[in-house]
PDB file of all heavy atoms in Angstrom:
ATOM      1  N   VAL A   1     -89.711 -11.732   8.491  1.00  0.00           N
ATOM      2  CA  VAL A   1     -89.485 -10.352   8.066  1.00  0.00           C
ATOM      3  C   VAL A   1     -88.418 -10.329   6.981  1.00  0.00           C
ATOM      4  O   VAL A   1     -87.320 -10.869   7.166  1.00  0.00           O
ATOM      5  CB  VAL A   1     -89.058  -9.463   9.245  1.00  0.00           C
ATOM      6  CG1 VAL A   1     -88.815  -8.030   8.768  1.00  0.00           C
ATOM      7  CG2 VAL A   1     -90.126  -9.467  10.334  1.00  0.00           C
ATOM      8  N   LEU A   2     -88.744  -9.710   5.839  1.00  0.00           N
ATOM      9  CA  LEU A   2     -87.763  -9.445   4.794  1.00  0.00           C
ATOM     10  C   LEU A   2     -87.279  -8.016   4.984  1.00  0.00           C
ATOM     11  O   LEU A   2     -88.081  -7.078   4.960  1.00  0.00           O
ATOM     12  CB  LEU A   2     -88.379  -9.604   3.397  1.00  0.00           C
ATOM     13  CG  LEU A   2     -89.051 -10.937   3.064  1.00  0.00           C
ATOM     14  CD1 LEU A   2     -89.517 -10.935   1.601  1.00  0.00           C
ATOM     15  CD2 LEU A   2     -88.132 -12.107   3.318  1.00  0.00           C
ATOM     16  N   VAL A   3     -85.981  -7.838   5.174  1.00  0.00           N
ATOM     17  CA  VAL A   3     -85.441  -6.517   5.456  1.00  0.00           C
ATOM     18  C   VAL A   3     -84.232  -6.252   4.575  1.00  0.00           C
ATOM     19  O   VAL A   3     -83.509  -7.175   4.186  1.00  0.00           O
ATOM     20  CB  VAL A   3     -85.083  -6.391   6.961  1.00  0.00           C
ATOM     21  CG1 VAL A   3     -83.947  -7.331   7.334  1.00  0.00           C
ATOM     22  CG2 VAL A   3     -84.730  -4.965   7.347  1.00  0.00           C
ATOM     23  N   GLY A   4     -84.035  -4.986   4.248  1.00  0.00           N
ATOM     24  CA  GLY A   4     -82.892  -4.586   3.435  1.00  0.00           C
ATOM     25  C   GLY A   4     -83.047  -3.140   3.030  1.00  0.00           C
ATOM     26  O   GLY A   4     -84.118  -2.547   3.202  1.00  0.00           O
ATOM     27  N   PRO A   5     -82.015  -2.538   2.477  1.00  0.00           N
ATOM     28  CA  PRO A   5     -82.102  -1.144   2.030  1.00  0.00           C
ATOM     29  C   PRO A   5     -82.975  -1.026   0.784  1.00  0.00           C
ATOM     30  O   PRO A   5     -83.396  -2.036   0.200  1.00  0.00           O
ATOM     31  CB  PRO A   5     -80.641  -0.785   1.730  1.00  0.00           C
ATOM     32  CG  PRO A   5     -80.001  -2.095   1.395  1.00  0.00           C
ATOM     33  CD  PRO A   5     -80.683  -3.121   2.245  1.00  0.00           C
ATOM     34  N   SER A   6     -83.247   0.199   0.360  1.00  0.00           N
ATOM     35  CA  SER A   6     -84.013   0.422  -0.866  1.00  0.00           C
ATOM     36  C   SER A   6     -83.313  -0.249  -2.040  1.00  0.00           C
ATOM     37  O   SER A   6     -82.091  -0.174  -2.169  1.00  0.00           O
ATOM     38  CB  SER A   6     -84.151   1.925  -1.136  1.00  0.00           C
ATOM     39  OG  SER A   6     -84.882   2.550  -0.104  1.00  0.00           O
ATOM     40  N   GLY A   7     -84.105  -0.941  -2.869  1.00  0.00           N
ATOM     41  CA  GLY A   7     -83.538  -1.611  -4.029  1.00  0.00           C
ATOM     42  C   GLY A   7     -82.962  -2.972  -3.745  1.00  0.00           C
ATOM     43  O   GLY A   7     -82.340  -3.578  -4.617  1.00  0.00           O
ATOM     44  N   SER A   8     -83.195  -3.507  -2.542  1.00  0.00           N
ATOM     45  CA  SER A   8     -82.625  -4.804  -2.194  1.00  0.00           C
ATOM     46  C   SER A   8     -83.431  -5.974  -2.739  1.00  0.00           C
ATOM     47  O   SER A   8     -82.961  -7.106  -2.737  1.00  0.00           O
ATOM     48  CB  SER A   8     -82.497  -4.937  -0.669  1.00  0.00           C
ATOM     49  OG  SER A   8     -83.780  -4.868  -0.062  1.00  0.00           O
ATOM     50  N   GLY A   9     -84.679  -5.725  -3.186  1.00  0.00           N
ATOM     51  CA  GLY A   9     -85.498  -6.788  -3.755  1.00  0.00           C
ATOM     52  C   GLY A   9     -86.542  -7.338  -2.806  1.00  0.00           C
ATOM     53  O   GLY A   9     -87.295  -8.245  -3.163  1.00  0.00           O
ATOM     54  N   LYS A  10     -86.656  -6.775  -1.604  1.00  0.00           N
ATOM     55  CA  LYS A  10     -87.574  -7.335  -0.613  1.00  0.00           C
ATOM     56  C   LYS A  10     -89.037  -7.188  -1.025  1.00  0.00           C
ATOM     57  O   LYS A  10     -89.818  -8.139  -0.917  1.00  0.00           O
ATOM     58  CB  LYS A  10     -87.325  -6.705   0.760  1.00  0.00           C
ATOM     59  CG  LYS A  10     -87.422  -5.180   0.791  1.00  0.00           C
ATOM     60  CD  LYS A  10     -86.911  -4.621   2.105  1.00  0.00           C
ATOM     61  CE  LYS A  10     -87.117  -3.110   2.176  1.00  0.00           C
ATOM     62  NZ  LYS A  10     -86.366  -2.388   1.112  1.00  0.00           N
ATOM     63  N   SER A  11     -89.425  -6.002  -1.509  1.00  0.00           N
ATOM     64  CA  SER A  11     -90.821  -5.812  -1.945  1.00  0.00           C
ATOM     65  C   SER A  11     -91.115  -6.626  -3.205  1.00  0.00           C
ATOM     66  O   SER A  11     -92.214  -7.161  -3.362  1.00  0.00           O
ATOM     67  CB  SER A  11     -91.115  -4.327  -2.199  1.00  0.00           C
ATOM     68  OG  SER A  11     -91.162  -3.615  -0.979  1.00  0.00           O
ATOM     69  N   THR A  12     -90.132  -6.722  -4.093  1.00  0.00           N
ATOM     70  CA  THR A  12     -90.317  -7.535  -5.298  1.00  0.00           C
ATOM     71  C   THR A  12     -90.549  -8.992  -4.926  1.00  0.00           C
ATOM     72  O   THR A  12     -91.421  -9.663  -5.487  1.00  0.00           O
ATOM     73  CB  THR A  12     -89.088  -7.415  -6.223  1.00  0.00           C
ATOM     74  OG1 THR A  12     -88.917  -6.044  -6.590  1.00  0.00           O
ATOM     75  CG2 THR A  12     -89.267  -8.241  -7.478  1.00  0.00           C
ATOM     76  N   ALA A  13     -89.790  -9.504  -3.959  1.00  0.00           N
ATOM     77  CA  ALA A  13     -89.970 -10.887  -3.519  1.00  0.00           C
ATOM     78  C   ALA A  13     -91.372 -11.111  -2.966  1.00  0.00           C
ATOM     79  O   ALA A  13     -92.010 -12.139  -3.230  1.00  0.00           O
ATOM     80  CB  ALA A  13     -88.924 -11.239  -2.461  1.00  0.00           C
ATOM     81  N   LEU A  14     -91.873 -10.145  -2.207  1.00  0.00           N
ATOM     82  CA  LEU A  14     -93.227 -10.252  -1.652  1.00  0.00           C
ATOM     83  C   LEU A  14     -94.271 -10.217  -2.762  1.00  0.00           C
ATOM     84  O   LEU A  14     -95.226 -11.001  -2.758  1.00  0.00           O
ATOM     85  CB  LEU A  14     -93.465  -9.109  -0.664  1.00  0.00           C
ATOM     86  CG  LEU A  14     -94.767  -9.191   0.133  1.00  0.00           C
ATOM     87  CD1 LEU A  14     -94.640 -10.241   1.238  1.00  0.00           C
ATOM     88  CD2 LEU A  14     -95.127  -7.845   0.743  1.00  0.00           C
ATOM     89  N   ARG A  15     -94.090  -9.325  -3.725  1.00  0.00           N
ATOM     90  CA  ARG A  15     -95.049  -9.198  -4.824  1.00  0.00           C
ATOM     91  C   ARG A  15     -95.015 -10.431  -5.739  1.00  0.00           C
ATOM     92  O   ARG A  15     -96.029 -10.792  -6.337  1.00  0.00           O
ATOM     93  CB  ARG A  15     -94.762  -7.914  -5.608  1.00  0.00           C
ATOM     94  CG  ARG A  15     -95.082  -6.647  -4.801  1.00  0.00           C
ATOM     95  CD  ARG A  15     -94.594  -5.393  -5.501  1.00  0.00           C
ATOM     96  NE  ARG A  15     -95.292  -5.174  -6.760  1.00  0.00           N
ATOM     97  CZ  ARG A  15     -96.469  -4.586  -6.888  1.00  0.00           C
ATOM     98  NH1 ARG A  15     -97.118  -4.147  -5.807  1.00  0.00           N
ATOM     99  NH2 ARG A  15     -97.035  -4.424  -8.065  1.00  0.00           N
ATOM    100  N   MET A  16     -93.873 -11.073  -5.847  1.00  0.00           N
ATOM    101  CA  MET A  16     -93.797 -12.337  -6.590  1.00  0.00           C
ATOM    102  C   MET A  16     -94.664 -13.400  -5.917  1.00  0.00           C
ATOM    103  O   MET A  16     -95.369 -14.170  -6.578  1.00  0.00           O
ATOM    104  CB  MET A  16     -92.346 -12.817  -6.678  1.00  0.00           C
ATOM    105  CG  MET A  16     -91.463 -11.966  -7.577  1.00  0.00           C
ATOM    106  SD  MET A  16     -89.687 -12.251  -7.278  1.00  0.00           S
ATOM    107  CE  MET A  16     -89.493 -13.930  -7.899  1.00  0.00           C
ATOM    108  N   LEU A  17     -94.609 -13.443  -4.590  1.00  0.00           N
ATOM    109  CA  LEU A  17     -95.436 -14.394  -3.852  1.00  0.00           C
ATOM    110  C   LEU A  17     -96.915 -14.099  -4.032  1.00  0.00           C
ATOM    111  O   LEU A  17     -97.735 -15.017  -4.191  1.00  0.00           O
ATOM    112  CB  LEU A  17     -95.066 -14.341  -2.362  1.00  0.00           C
ATOM    113  CG  LEU A  17     -95.950 -15.136  -1.407  1.00  0.00           C
ATOM    114  CD1 LEU A  17     -95.912 -16.625  -1.737  1.00  0.00           C
ATOM    115  CD2 LEU A  17     -95.528 -14.892   0.043  1.00  0.00           C
ATOM    116  N   ALA A  18     -97.263 -12.816  -4.042  1.00  0.00           N
ATOM    117  CA  ALA A  18     -98.669 -12.425  -4.169  1.00  0.00           C
ATOM    118  C   ALA A  18     -99.188 -12.520  -5.601  1.00  0.00           C
ATOM    119  O   ALA A  18    -100.388 -12.378  -5.831  1.00  0.00           O
ATOM    120  CB  ALA A  18     -98.851 -11.002  -3.643  1.00  0.00           C
ATOM    121  N   GLY A  19     -98.297 -12.731  -6.569  1.00  0.00           N
ATOM    122  CA  GLY A  19     -98.721 -12.806  -7.961  1.00  0.00           C
ATOM    123  C   GLY A  19     -98.785 -11.463  -8.650  1.00  0.00           C
ATOM    124  O   GLY A  19     -99.320 -11.341  -9.758  1.00  0.00           O
ATOM    125  N   LEU A  20     -98.213 -10.435  -8.014  1.00  0.00           N
ATOM    126  CA  LEU A  20     -98.231  -9.087  -8.591  1.00  0.00           C
ATOM    127  C   LEU A  20     -96.994  -8.815  -9.437  1.00  0.00           C
ATOM    128  O   LEU A  20     -96.924  -7.788 -10.105  1.00  0.00           O
ATOM    129  CB  LEU A  20     -98.337  -8.040  -7.469  1.00  0.00           C
ATOM    130  CG  LEU A  20     -99.556  -8.193  -6.551  1.00  0.00           C
ATOM    131  CD1 LEU A  20     -99.527  -7.141  -5.455  1.00  0.00           C
ATOM    132  CD2 LEU A  20    -100.853  -8.122  -7.337  1.00  0.00           C
ATOM    133  N   GLU A  21     -96.008  -9.699  -9.360  1.00  0.00           N
ATOM    134  CA  GLU A  21     -94.827  -9.643 -10.219  1.00  0.00           C
ATOM    135  C   GLU A  21     -94.601 -11.025 -10.816  1.00  0.00           C
ATOM    136  O   GLU A  21     -94.829 -12.044 -10.148  1.00  0.00           O
ATOM    137  CB  GLU A  21     -93.575  -9.225  -9.434  1.00  0.00           C
ATOM    138  CG  GLU A  21     -93.576  -7.806  -8.913  1.00  0.00           C
ATOM    139  CD  GLU A  21     -93.355  -6.767 -10.013  1.00  0.00           C
ATOM    140  OE1 GLU A  21     -93.080  -7.170 -11.166  1.00  0.00           O
ATOM    141  OE2 GLU A  21     -93.458  -5.580  -9.696  1.00  0.00           O
ATOM    142  N   ALA A  22     -94.154 -11.057 -12.066  1.00  0.00           N
ATOM    143  CA  ALA A  22     -93.875 -12.334 -12.722  1.00  0.00           C
ATOM    144  C   ALA A  22     -92.641 -12.983 -12.111  1.00  0.00           C
ATOM    145  O   ALA A  22     -91.753 -12.305 -11.582  1.00  0.00           O
ATOM    146  CB  ALA A  22     -93.669 -12.115 -14.216  1.00  0.00           C
ATOM    147  N   VAL A  23     -92.585 -14.306 -12.182  1.00  0.00           N
ATOM    148  CA  VAL A  23     -91.410 -15.069 -11.754  1.00  0.00           C
ATOM    149  C   VAL A  23     -90.696 -15.538 -13.020  1.00  0.00           C
ATOM    150  O   VAL A  23     -91.244 -16.298 -13.813  1.00  0.00           O
ATOM    151  CB  VAL A  23     -91.816 -16.277 -10.885  1.00  0.00           C
ATOM    152  CG1 VAL A  23     -90.572 -17.067 -10.470  1.00  0.00           C
ATOM    153  CG2 VAL A  23     -92.595 -15.811  -9.660  1.00  0.00           C
ATOM    154  N   ASP A  24     -89.466 -15.053 -13.232  1.00  0.00           N
ATOM    155  CA  ASP A  24     -88.731 -15.343 -14.467  1.00  0.00           C
ATOM    156  C   ASP A  24     -87.882 -16.607 -14.369  1.00  0.00           C
ATOM    157  O   ASP A  24     -87.374 -17.102 -15.377  1.00  0.00           O
ATOM    158  CB  ASP A  24     -87.838 -14.149 -14.839  1.00  0.00           C
ATOM    159  CG  ASP A  24     -88.658 -12.890 -15.097  1.00  0.00           C
ATOM    160  OD1 ASP A  24     -89.611 -12.962 -15.883  1.00  0.00           O
ATOM    161  OD2 ASP A  24     -88.354 -11.851 -14.495  1.00  0.00           O
ATOM    162  N   GLY A  25     -87.712 -17.113 -13.166  1.00  0.00           N
ATOM    163  CA  GLY A  25     -86.946 -18.345 -12.985  1.00  0.00           C
ATOM    164  C   GLY A  25     -87.248 -18.928 -11.630  1.00  0.00           C
ATOM    165  O   GLY A  25     -87.639 -18.220 -10.711  1.00  0.00           O
ATOM    166  N   GLY A  26     -87.095 -20.244 -11.495  1.00  0.00           N
ATOM    167  CA  GLY A  26     -87.375 -20.887 -10.224  1.00  0.00           C
ATOM    168  C   GLY A  26     -88.862 -21.074  -9.999  1.00  0.00           C
ATOM    169  O   GLY A  26     -89.671 -21.012 -10.939  1.00  0.00           O
ATOM    170  N   ALA A  27     -89.250 -21.273  -8.749  1.00  0.00           N
ATOM    171  CA  ALA A  27     -90.645 -21.579  -8.429  1.00  0.00           C
ATOM    172  C   ALA A  27     -90.991 -21.065  -7.034  1.00  0.00           C
ATOM    173  O   ALA A  27     -90.116 -20.812  -6.206  1.00  0.00           O
ATOM    174  CB  ALA A  27     -90.884 -23.087  -8.499  1.00  0.00           C
ATOM    175  N   ILE A  28     -92.301 -20.904  -6.797  1.00  0.00           N
ATOM    176  CA  ILE A  28     -92.825 -20.518  -5.484  1.00  0.00           C
ATOM    177  C   ILE A  28     -93.932 -21.499  -5.122  1.00  0.00           C
ATOM    178  O   ILE A  28     -94.811 -21.792  -5.945  1.00  0.00           O
ATOM    179  CB  ILE A  28     -93.359 -19.070  -5.489  1.00  0.00           C
ATOM    180  CG1 ILE A  28     -92.231 -18.085  -5.780  1.00  0.00           C
ATOM    181  CG2 ILE A  28     -94.003 -18.741  -4.138  1.00  0.00           C
ATOM    182  CD1 ILE A  28     -92.685 -16.639  -5.897  1.00  0.00           C
ATOM    183  N   HIS A  29     -93.883 -22.008  -3.894  1.00  0.00           N
ATOM    184  CA  HIS A  29     -94.895 -22.954  -3.416  1.00  0.00           C
ATOM    185  C   HIS A  29     -95.576 -22.398  -2.171  1.00  0.00           C
ATOM    186  O   HIS A  29     -94.932 -21.818  -1.297  1.00  0.00           O
ATOM    187  CB  HIS A  29     -94.250 -24.300  -3.072  1.00  0.00           C
ATOM    188  CG  HIS A  29     -93.772 -25.068  -4.261  1.00  0.00           C
ATOM    189  ND1 HIS A  29     -94.361 -26.235  -4.686  1.00  0.00           N
ATOM    190  CD2 HIS A  29     -92.761 -24.835  -5.138  1.00  0.00           C
ATOM    191  CE1 HIS A  29     -93.745 -26.696  -5.756  1.00  0.00           C
ATOM    192  NE2 HIS A  29     -92.763 -25.861  -6.046  1.00  0.00           N
TER     193      HIS A  29
END
């Protein structure tokens, strides 16, 4: 579970994994 207040980046992190947001640095496996 990714949890945090609004604007914490949790949904962005999920969308990065799904390919719905670009990854500007680092990597996902």
